[in-house]
Amino acid sequence: MQFIEVKWEAGYSIARNKVIYPMRIDVRRSDLCLRHSIKQIIMESLSLYARLRETLHIF
C-alpha cells in the first residue's frame, strides 16, 4: 500500500486577526490507482477551497 498525504492551508486576515484553516486529506491506495488518486485529491482540494472562499467571501 502507498500512503499519500496532501496538505494545504487557506488563510485570510481581517483587521489584525489572521485566521488559518488547515485542510488535510490522507489517502491510501494501491500502486495501480495511485495516479488517479493524486488527480482526485487535487480536484477535491480545489473544490473544498472554492467552497471555503465562497463561505468567507474571499476573492
C-alpha atoms as a PDB file:
ATOM      1  CA  MET A   1       0.000   0.000   0.000  1.00  0.00           C
ATOM      2  CA  GLN A   2       1.130   3.501  -0.811  1.00  0.00           C
ATOM      3  CA  PHE A   3       0.486   6.361   1.558  1.00  0.00           C
ATOM      4  CA  ILE A   4      -0.107   9.812   0.135  1.00  0.00           C
ATOM      5  CA  GLU A   5      -0.618  12.878   2.235  1.00  0.00           C
ATOM      6  CA  VAL A   6      -1.642  16.199   0.753  1.00  0.00           C
ATOM      7  CA  LYS A   7      -1.604  19.257   2.955  1.00  0.00           C
ATOM      8  CA  TRP A   8      -2.715  22.732   2.105  1.00  0.00           C
ATOM      9  CA  GLU A   9      -3.769  25.773   4.039  1.00  0.00           C
ATOM     10  CA  ALA A  10      -6.135  28.578   3.203  1.00  0.00           C
ATOM     11  CA  GLY A  11      -5.927  31.674   5.296  1.00  0.00           C
ATOM     12  CA  TYR A  12      -7.334  35.148   5.411  1.00  0.00           C
ATOM     13  CA  SER A  13      -6.871  38.147   7.656  1.00  0.00           C
ATOM     14  CA  ILE A  14      -9.482  40.550   8.960  1.00  0.00           C
ATOM     15  CA  ALA A  15      -8.023  43.668  10.577  1.00  0.00           C
ATOM     16  CA  ARG A  16      -5.113  42.338  12.652  1.00  0.00           C
ATOM     17  CA  ASN A  17      -6.518  38.874  13.248  1.00  0.00           C
ATOM     18  CA  LYS A  18      -5.274  36.186  10.923  1.00  0.00           C
ATOM     19  CA  VAL A  19      -7.308  33.012  10.677  1.00  0.00           C
ATOM     20  CA  ILE A  20      -5.788  29.887   9.174  1.00  0.00           C
ATOM     21  CA  TYR A  21      -7.895  26.953   8.048  1.00  0.00           C
ATOM     22  CA  PRO A  22      -5.726  23.854   7.657  1.00  0.00           C
ATOM     23  CA  MET A  23      -7.088  21.101   5.446  1.00  0.00           C
ATOM     24  CA  ARG A  24      -5.653  17.606   5.401  1.00  0.00           C
ATOM     25  CA  ILE A  25      -6.518  14.810   3.029  1.00  0.00           C
ATOM     26  CA  ASP A  26      -4.974  11.394   3.586  1.00  0.00           C
ATOM     27  CA  VAL A  27      -5.470   8.666   1.024  1.00  0.00           C
ATOM     28  CA  ARG A  28      -4.359   5.059   0.948  1.00  0.00           C
ATOM     29  CA  ARG A  29      -4.359   3.396  -2.456  1.00  0.00           C
ATOM     30  CA  SER A  30      -2.612   0.645  -4.346  1.00  0.00           C
ATOM     31  CA  ASP A  31       0.084   1.478  -6.908  1.00  0.00           C
ATOM     32  CA  LEU A  32      -2.292   0.840  -9.815  1.00  0.00           C
ATOM     33  CA  CYS A  33      -4.654   3.676  -8.948  1.00  0.00           C
ATOM     34  CA  LEU A  34      -2.009   5.967  -7.482  1.00  0.00           C
ATOM     35  CA  ARG A  35      -2.041   8.464 -10.359  1.00  0.00           C
ATOM     36  CA  HIS A  36      -5.846   8.605 -10.381  1.00  0.00           C
ATOM     37  CA  SER A  37      -5.848   9.120  -6.619  1.00  0.00           C
ATOM     38  CA  ILE A  38      -3.499  12.093  -6.858  1.00  0.00           C
ATOM     39  CA  LYS A  39      -5.698  13.672  -9.540  1.00  0.00           C
ATOM     40  CA  GLN A  40      -8.798  13.065  -7.426  1.00  0.00           C
ATOM     41  CA  ILE A  41      -7.163  14.578  -4.330  1.00  0.00           C
ATOM     42  CA  ILE A  42      -6.218  17.709  -6.265  1.00  0.00           C
ATOM     43  CA  MET A  43      -9.733  18.104  -7.664  1.00  0.00           C
ATOM     44  CA  GLU A  44     -11.314  17.582  -4.236  1.00  0.00           C
ATOM     45  CA  SER A  45      -8.900  20.081  -2.696  1.00  0.00           C
ATOM     46  CA  LEU A  46      -9.767  22.703  -5.310  1.00  0.00           C
ATOM     47  CA  SER A  47     -13.461  22.063  -4.722  1.00  0.00           C
ATOM     48  CA  LEU A  48     -13.057  22.434  -0.953  1.00  0.00           C
ATOM     49  CA  TYR A  49     -11.034  25.608  -1.408  1.00  0.00           C
ATOM     50  CA  ALA A  50     -13.667  27.072  -3.740  1.00  0.00           C
ATOM     51  CA  ARG A  51     -16.390  26.383  -1.171  1.00  0.00           C
ATOM     52  CA  LEU A  52     -14.228  27.880   1.583  1.00  0.00           C
ATOM     53  CA  ARG A  53     -13.707  31.030  -0.495  1.00  0.00           C
ATOM     54  CA  GLU A  54     -17.443  31.345  -1.103  1.00  0.00           C
ATOM     55  CA  THR A  55     -18.163  30.920   2.597  1.00  0.00           C
ATOM     56  CA  LEU A  56     -15.603  33.513   3.652  1.00  0.00           C
ATOM     57  CA  HIS A  57     -16.206  35.812   0.655  1.00  0.00           C
ATOM     58  CA  ILE A  58     -12.529  35.729  -0.357  1.00  0.00           C
ATOM     59  CA  PHE A  59     -11.708  36.743  -3.914  1.00  0.00           C
END
